Amino acid sequence: MNGSEEKVIFQSNQIYIREATNNDIGYITNVENSEENKPHILTWTEDQHRKTMQEEDSYYLIVVEKITNRNVGFIILKGLTNTNKSIELVRIAIEEKDKGIGKEALSLIKVWAFNSFEAHRLWLDVKTDNKKAINIYKKEGFTLEGTLRECLKVGETYESLHVMSLLKHEFQSN
């Protein structure tokens, strides 16, 4: 969505999530490149984000704190055109840690993916050293499927990724 009109997708007591626009790309790259987030995610340029945002298969969202009406994070989903109904949580990045915002946003994404979009599978990859995120994903019902060993070259070293997923019937049984 590229208009100036805000479209709230879903909300909870603490946050609401709206569709991102091209005007949000600077904010998205700033959050990615923050000292707290950069070690845990792959950063993209503004041009990479613009191109990906325009893809029919992608869905960019902004997480907004209700009380302050301030952007507090973003989410990128892919797989909207996947005939297997498999949605990838490409990225979730929250500015302020330890306030429960990321967990709340993840819960809302699960509801959207399985109830509104009617996905069969929601999956993600996470750096193996990001123990905090891995624990949150496990608590939210995601299962570790496997490890992509040393698949990322970061500087002069290689890092590994865990692939985790949640299936619709697992979500419905929680």
C-alpha atoms as a PDB file:
ATOM      1  CA  MET A   1       0.000   0.000   0.000  1.00  0.00           C
ATOM      2  CA  ASN A   2       1.585   3.260  -1.052  1.00  0.00           C
ATOM      3  CA  GLY A   3      -1.090   5.817  -0.162  1.00  0.00           C
ATOM      4  CA  SER A   4      -0.856   8.224   2.738  1.00  0.00           C
ATOM      5  CA  GLU A   5      -3.883   6.716   4.456  1.00  0.00           C
ATOM      6  CA  GLU A   6      -3.119   4.457   7.445  1.00  0.00           C
ATOM      7  CA  LYS A   7      -4.788   1.064   7.297  1.00  0.00           C
ATOM      8  CA  VAL A   8      -4.871  -0.752  10.639  1.00  0.00           C
ATOM      9  CA  ILE A   9      -4.617  -4.476  10.026  1.00  0.00           C
ATOM     10  CA  PHE A  10      -5.015  -5.718  13.598  1.00  0.00           C
ATOM     11  CA  GLN A  11      -4.574  -4.552  17.145  1.00  0.00           C
ATOM     12  CA  SER A  12      -4.248  -5.559  20.771  1.00  0.00           C
ATOM     13  CA  ASN A  13      -4.359  -3.603  24.019  1.00  0.00           C
ATOM     14  CA  GLN A  14      -0.790  -2.302  23.644  1.00  0.00           C
ATOM     15  CA  ILE A  15      -0.173  -2.047  19.880  1.00  0.00           C
ATOM     16  CA  TYR A  16      -1.714  -1.867  16.464  1.00  0.00           C
ATOM     17  CA  ILE A  17      -0.196  -3.009  13.211  1.00  0.00           C
ATOM     18  CA  ARG A  18      -0.672  -1.073   9.997  1.00  0.00           C
ATOM     19  CA  GLU A  19       0.443  -1.493   6.422  1.00  0.00           C
ATOM     20  CA  ALA A  20       3.776   0.177   5.683  1.00  0.00           C
ATOM     21  CA  THR A  21       4.244   2.712   2.892  1.00  0.00           C
ATOM     22  CA  ASN A  22       7.276   3.937   0.971  1.00  0.00           C
ATOM     23  CA  ASN A  23       7.442   6.764   3.531  1.00  0.00           C
ATOM     24  CA  ASP A  24       8.307   4.164   6.199  1.00  0.00           C
ATOM     25  CA  ILE A  25      11.420   2.824   4.476  1.00  0.00           C
ATOM     26  CA  GLY A  26      13.811   5.232   6.215  1.00  0.00           C
ATOM     27  CA  TYR A  27      12.339   4.214   9.563  1.00  0.00           C
ATOM     28  CA  ILE A  28      12.662   0.512   8.675  1.00  0.00           C
ATOM     29  CA  THR A  29      16.353   0.812   7.752  1.00  0.00           C
ATOM     30  CA  ASN A  30      17.045   2.806  10.930  1.00  0.00           C
ATOM     31  CA  VAL A  31      15.480   0.083  13.092  1.00  0.00           C
ATOM     32  CA  GLU A  32      17.408  -2.625  11.224  1.00  0.00           C
ATOM     33  CA  ASN A  33      20.679  -0.798  11.699  1.00  0.00           C
ATOM     34  CA  SER A  34      20.200  -0.036  15.386  1.00  0.00           C
ATOM     35  CA  GLU A  35      22.885  -1.328  17.719  1.00  0.00           C
ATOM     36  CA  GLU A  36      20.469  -3.807  19.323  1.00  0.00           C
ATOM     37  CA  ASN A  37      18.990  -5.226  16.104  1.00  0.00           C
ATOM     38  CA  LYS A  38      21.857  -5.266  13.607  1.00  0.00           C
ATOM     39  CA  PRO A  39      23.674  -8.309  15.080  1.00  0.00           C
ATOM     40  CA  HIS A  40      20.519 -10.430  14.798  1.00  0.00           C
ATOM     41  CA  ILE A  41      19.189  -9.595  11.339  1.00  0.00           C
ATOM     42  CA  LEU A  42      20.415  -9.132   7.803  1.00  0.00           C
ATOM     43  CA  THR A  43      20.166  -5.486   6.883  1.00  0.00           C
ATOM     44  CA  TRP A  44      18.976  -4.284   3.514  1.00  0.00           C
ATOM     45  CA  THR A  45      19.438  -1.004   1.700  1.00  0.00           C
ATOM     46  CA  GLU A  46      16.508   1.352   1.196  1.00  0.00           C
ATOM     47  CA  ASP A  47      16.454   0.311  -2.476  1.00  0.00           C
ATOM     48  CA  GLN A  48      16.213  -3.380  -1.532  1.00  0.00           C
ATOM     49  CA  HIS A  49      13.277  -2.568   0.738  1.00  0.00           C
ATOM     50  CA  ARG A  50      11.537  -0.462  -1.922  1.00  0.00           C
ATOM     51  CA  LYS A  51      11.869  -3.251  -4.466  1.00  0.00           C
ATOM     52  CA  THR A  52      10.691  -5.958  -2.048  1.00  0.00           C
ATOM     53  CA  MET A  53       7.792  -3.811  -0.813  1.00  0.00           C
ATOM     54  CA  GLN A  54       6.479  -3.598  -4.388  1.00  0.00           C
ATOM     55  CA  GLU A  55       6.450  -7.380  -4.853  1.00  0.00           C
ATOM     56  CA  GLU A  56       2.991  -8.916  -4.858  1.00  0.00           C
ATOM     57  CA  ASP A  57       4.327 -11.701  -2.627  1.00  0.00           C
ATOM     58  CA  SER A  58       5.501  -9.327   0.150  1.00  0.00           C
ATOM     59  CA  TYR A  59       3.678  -7.634   3.000  1.00  0.00           C
ATOM     60  CA  TYR A  60       5.336  -4.823   4.968  1.00  0.00           C
ATOM     61  CA  LEU A  61       3.830  -3.820   8.307  1.00  0.00           C
ATOM     62  CA  ILE A  62       4.578  -1.206  10.952  1.00  0.00           C
ATOM     63  CA  VAL A  63       4.039  -1.869  14.655  1.00  0.00           C
ATOM     64  CA  VAL A  64       2.666   1.180  16.483  1.00  0.00           C
ATOM     65  CA  GLU A  65       2.367   1.683  20.244  1.00  0.00           C
ATOM     66  CA  LYS A  66      -1.202   2.768  20.975  1.00  0.00           C
ATOM     67  CA  ILE A  67      -0.545   5.085  23.934  1.00  0.00           C
ATOM     68  CA  THR A  68       2.066   7.212  22.158  1.00  0.00           C
ATOM     69  CA  ASN A  69       0.925   6.517  18.571  1.00  0.00           C
ATOM     70  CA  ARG A  70       4.635   6.016  17.822  1.00  0.00           C
ATOM     71  CA  ASN A  71       6.208   3.479  15.471  1.00  0.00           C
ATOM     72  CA  VAL A  72       7.997   0.861  17.562  1.00  0.00           C
ATOM     73  CA  GLY A  73       8.937  -1.773  14.989  1.00  0.00           C
ATOM     74  CA  PHE A  74       8.236  -3.438  11.685  1.00  0.00           C
ATOM     75  CA  ILE A  75       7.427  -6.815  10.171  1.00  0.00           C
ATOM     76  CA  ILE A  76       8.104  -8.239   6.717  1.00  0.00           C
ATOM     77  CA  LEU A  77       6.130 -11.232   5.476  1.00  0.00           C
ATOM     78  CA  LYS A  78       6.554 -13.115   2.204  1.00  0.00           C
ATOM     79  CA  GLY A  79       4.650 -15.943   0.607  1.00  0.00           C
ATOM     80  CA  LEU A  80       1.354 -14.193  -0.009  1.00  0.00           C
ATOM     81  CA  THR A  81       1.155 -15.784  -3.464  1.00  0.00           C
ATOM     82  CA  ASN A  82       2.548 -19.159  -2.360  1.00  0.00           C
ATOM     83  CA  THR A  83       0.159 -21.883  -3.533  1.00  0.00           C
ATOM     84  CA  ASN A  84       1.279 -24.047  -0.595  1.00  0.00           C
ATOM     85  CA  LYS A  85      -0.146 -21.445   1.836  1.00  0.00           C
ATOM     86  CA  SER A  86       3.261 -21.108   3.507  1.00  0.00           C
ATOM     87  CA  ILE A  87       3.997 -17.633   4.894  1.00  0.00           C
ATOM     88  CA  GLU A  88       7.552 -16.618   5.751  1.00  0.00           C
ATOM     89  CA  LEU A  89       8.146 -14.220   8.618  1.00  0.00           C
ATOM     90  CA  VAL A  90      11.149 -12.614   6.926  1.00  0.00           C
ATOM     91  CA  ARG A  91      11.759 -10.084   9.649  1.00  0.00           C
ATOM     92  CA  ILE A  92      10.350  -8.745  12.868  1.00  0.00           C
ATOM     93  CA  ALA A  93      12.352  -5.938  14.449  1.00  0.00           C
ATOM     94  CA  ILE A  94      11.277  -3.987  17.508  1.00  0.00           C
ATOM     95  CA  GLU A  95      12.989  -0.829  18.768  1.00  0.00           C
ATOM     96  CA  GLU A  96      12.477  -1.142  22.503  1.00  0.00           C
ATOM     97  CA  LYS A  97      13.227  -4.513  24.018  1.00  0.00           C
ATOM     98  CA  ASP A  98      11.736  -6.221  27.075  1.00  0.00           C
ATOM     99  CA  LYS A  99       8.325  -4.527  26.900  1.00  0.00           C
ATOM    100  CA  GLY A 100       6.500  -7.511  25.383  1.00  0.00           C
ATOM    101  CA  ILE A 101       5.865  -5.647  22.120  1.00  0.00           C
ATOM    102  CA  GLY A 102       7.626  -8.219  19.939  1.00  0.00           C
ATOM    103  CA  LYS A 103       5.767 -11.120  21.541  1.00  0.00           C
ATOM    104  CA  GLU A 104       2.466  -9.291  21.161  1.00  0.00           C
ATOM    105  CA  ALA A 105       3.202  -8.462  17.516  1.00  0.00           C
ATOM    106  CA  LEU A 106       4.119 -12.102  16.858  1.00  0.00           C
ATOM    107  CA  SER A 107       0.837 -13.253  18.422  1.00  0.00           C
ATOM    108  CA  LEU A 108      -1.097 -10.883  16.146  1.00  0.00           C
ATOM    109  CA  ILE A 109       0.822 -12.113  13.093  1.00  0.00           C
ATOM    110  CA  LYS A 110      -0.072 -15.712  13.946  1.00  0.00           C
ATOM    111  CA  VAL A 111      -3.766 -14.833  14.211  1.00  0.00           C
ATOM    112  CA  TRP A 112      -3.634 -12.970  10.890  1.00  0.00           C
ATOM    113  CA  ALA A 113      -1.685 -15.744   9.120  1.00  0.00           C
ATOM    114  CA  PHE A 114      -3.907 -18.614  10.210  1.00  0.00           C
ATOM    115  CA  ASN A 115      -7.325 -17.007  10.652  1.00  0.00           C
ATOM    116  CA  SER A 116      -7.448 -14.148   8.129  1.00  0.00           C
ATOM    117  CA  PHE A 117      -5.007 -15.292   5.449  1.00  0.00           C
ATOM    118  CA  GLU A 118      -5.779 -18.980   6.073  1.00  0.00           C
ATOM    119  CA  ALA A 119      -2.152 -20.058   5.840  1.00  0.00           C
ATOM    120  CA  HIS A 120      -1.185 -23.668   6.444  1.00  0.00           C
ATOM    121  CA  ARG A 121       2.338 -22.869   7.669  1.00  0.00           C
ATOM    122  CA  LEU A 122       4.138 -19.871   9.187  1.00  0.00           C
ATOM    123  CA  TRP A 123       7.907 -20.175   9.163  1.00  0.00           C
ATOM    124  CA  LEU A 124      11.051 -18.167   9.818  1.00  0.00           C
ATOM    125  CA  ASP A 125      14.774 -18.443  10.150  1.00  0.00           C
ATOM    126  CA  VAL A 126      16.696 -17.077  13.104  1.00  0.00           C
ATOM    127  CA  LYS A 127      20.408 -16.791  13.814  1.00  0.00           C
ATOM    128  CA  THR A 128      21.454 -19.628  16.108  1.00  0.00           C
ATOM    129  CA  ASP A 129      23.065 -17.237  18.598  1.00  0.00           C
ATOM    130  CA  ASN A 130      19.831 -15.224  19.042  1.00  0.00           C
ATOM    131  CA  LYS A 131      18.759 -17.253  22.090  1.00  0.00           C
ATOM    132  CA  LYS A 132      16.191 -14.705  23.269  1.00  0.00           C
ATOM    133  CA  ALA A 133      14.284 -14.777  19.967  1.00  0.00           C
ATOM    134  CA  ILE A 134      14.516 -18.572  19.744  1.00  0.00           C
ATOM    135  CA  ASN A 135      12.974 -18.885  23.223  1.00  0.00           C
ATOM    136  CA  ILE A 136      10.133 -16.519  22.287  1.00  0.00           C
ATOM    137  CA  TYR A 137       9.426 -18.475  19.097  1.00  0.00           C
ATOM    138  CA  LYS A 138       9.384 -21.764  21.042  1.00  0.00           C
ATOM    139  CA  LYS A 139       7.000 -20.297  23.651  1.00  0.00           C
ATOM    140  CA  GLU A 140       4.771 -19.132  20.784  1.00  0.00           C
ATOM    141  CA  GLY A 141       4.534 -22.715  19.502  1.00  0.00           C
ATOM    142  CA  PHE A 142       7.178 -22.746  16.762  1.00  0.00           C
ATOM    143  CA  THR A 143       9.075 -26.003  16.198  1.00  0.00           C
ATOM    144  CA  LEU A 144      12.755 -26.179  15.286  1.00  0.00           C
ATOM    145  CA  GLU A 145      12.925 -27.902  11.888  1.00  0.00           C
ATOM    146  CA  GLY A 146      16.653 -27.818  11.343  1.00  0.00           C
ATOM    147  CA  THR A 147      19.789 -25.759  11.050  1.00  0.00           C
ATOM    148  CA  LEU A 148      21.328 -24.184   7.983  1.00  0.00           C
ATOM    149  CA  ARG A 149      24.945 -24.494   9.057  1.00  0.00           C
ATOM    150  CA  GLU A 150      27.283 -21.587   8.369  1.00  0.00           C
ATOM    151  CA  CYS A 151      25.058 -20.286   5.567  1.00  0.00           C
ATOM    152  CA  LEU A 152      25.706 -16.572   6.193  1.00  0.00           C
ATOM    153  CA  LYS A 153      29.040 -14.858   5.637  1.00  0.00           C
ATOM    154  CA  VAL A 154      29.329 -12.036   8.144  1.00  0.00           C
ATOM    155  CA  GLY A 155      32.651 -10.252   7.820  1.00  0.00           C
ATOM    156  CA  GLU A 156      35.278 -12.965   7.899  1.00  0.00           C
ATOM    157  CA  THR A 157      33.160 -15.533   9.724  1.00  0.00           C
ATOM    158  CA  TYR A 158      30.131 -17.675   8.957  1.00  0.00           C
ATOM    159  CA  GLU A 159      26.906 -17.854  10.943  1.00  0.00           C
ATOM    160  CA  SER A 160      24.182 -20.489  11.080  1.00  0.00           C
ATOM    161  CA  LEU A 161      20.401 -20.182  10.970  1.00  0.00           C
ATOM    162  CA  HIS A 162      17.679 -22.268  12.606  1.00  0.00           C
ATOM    163  CA  VAL A 163      14.522 -22.815  10.562  1.00  0.00           C
ATOM    164  CA  MET A 164      11.388 -22.826  12.738  1.00  0.00           C
ATOM    165  CA  SER A 165       7.731 -23.200  11.836  1.00  0.00           C
ATOM    166  CA  LEU A 166       4.202 -23.359  13.161  1.00  0.00           C
ATOM    167  CA  LEU A 167       1.433 -25.269  11.396  1.00  0.00           C
ATOM    168  CA  LYS A 168      -2.225 -24.258  11.382  1.00  0.00           C
ATOM    169  CA  HIS A 169      -3.384 -27.295  13.381  1.00  0.00           C
ATOM    170  CA  GLU A 170      -0.673 -26.583  16.000  1.00  0.00           C
ATOM    171  CA  PHE A 171      -1.846 -22.977  16.256  1.00  0.00           C
ATOM    172  CA  GLN A 172      -5.480 -24.050  16.613  1.00  0.00           C
ATOM    173  CA  SER A 173      -4.665 -26.523  19.399  1.00  0.00           C
ATOM    174  CA  ASN A 174      -3.047 -23.834  21.589  1.00  0.00           C
END
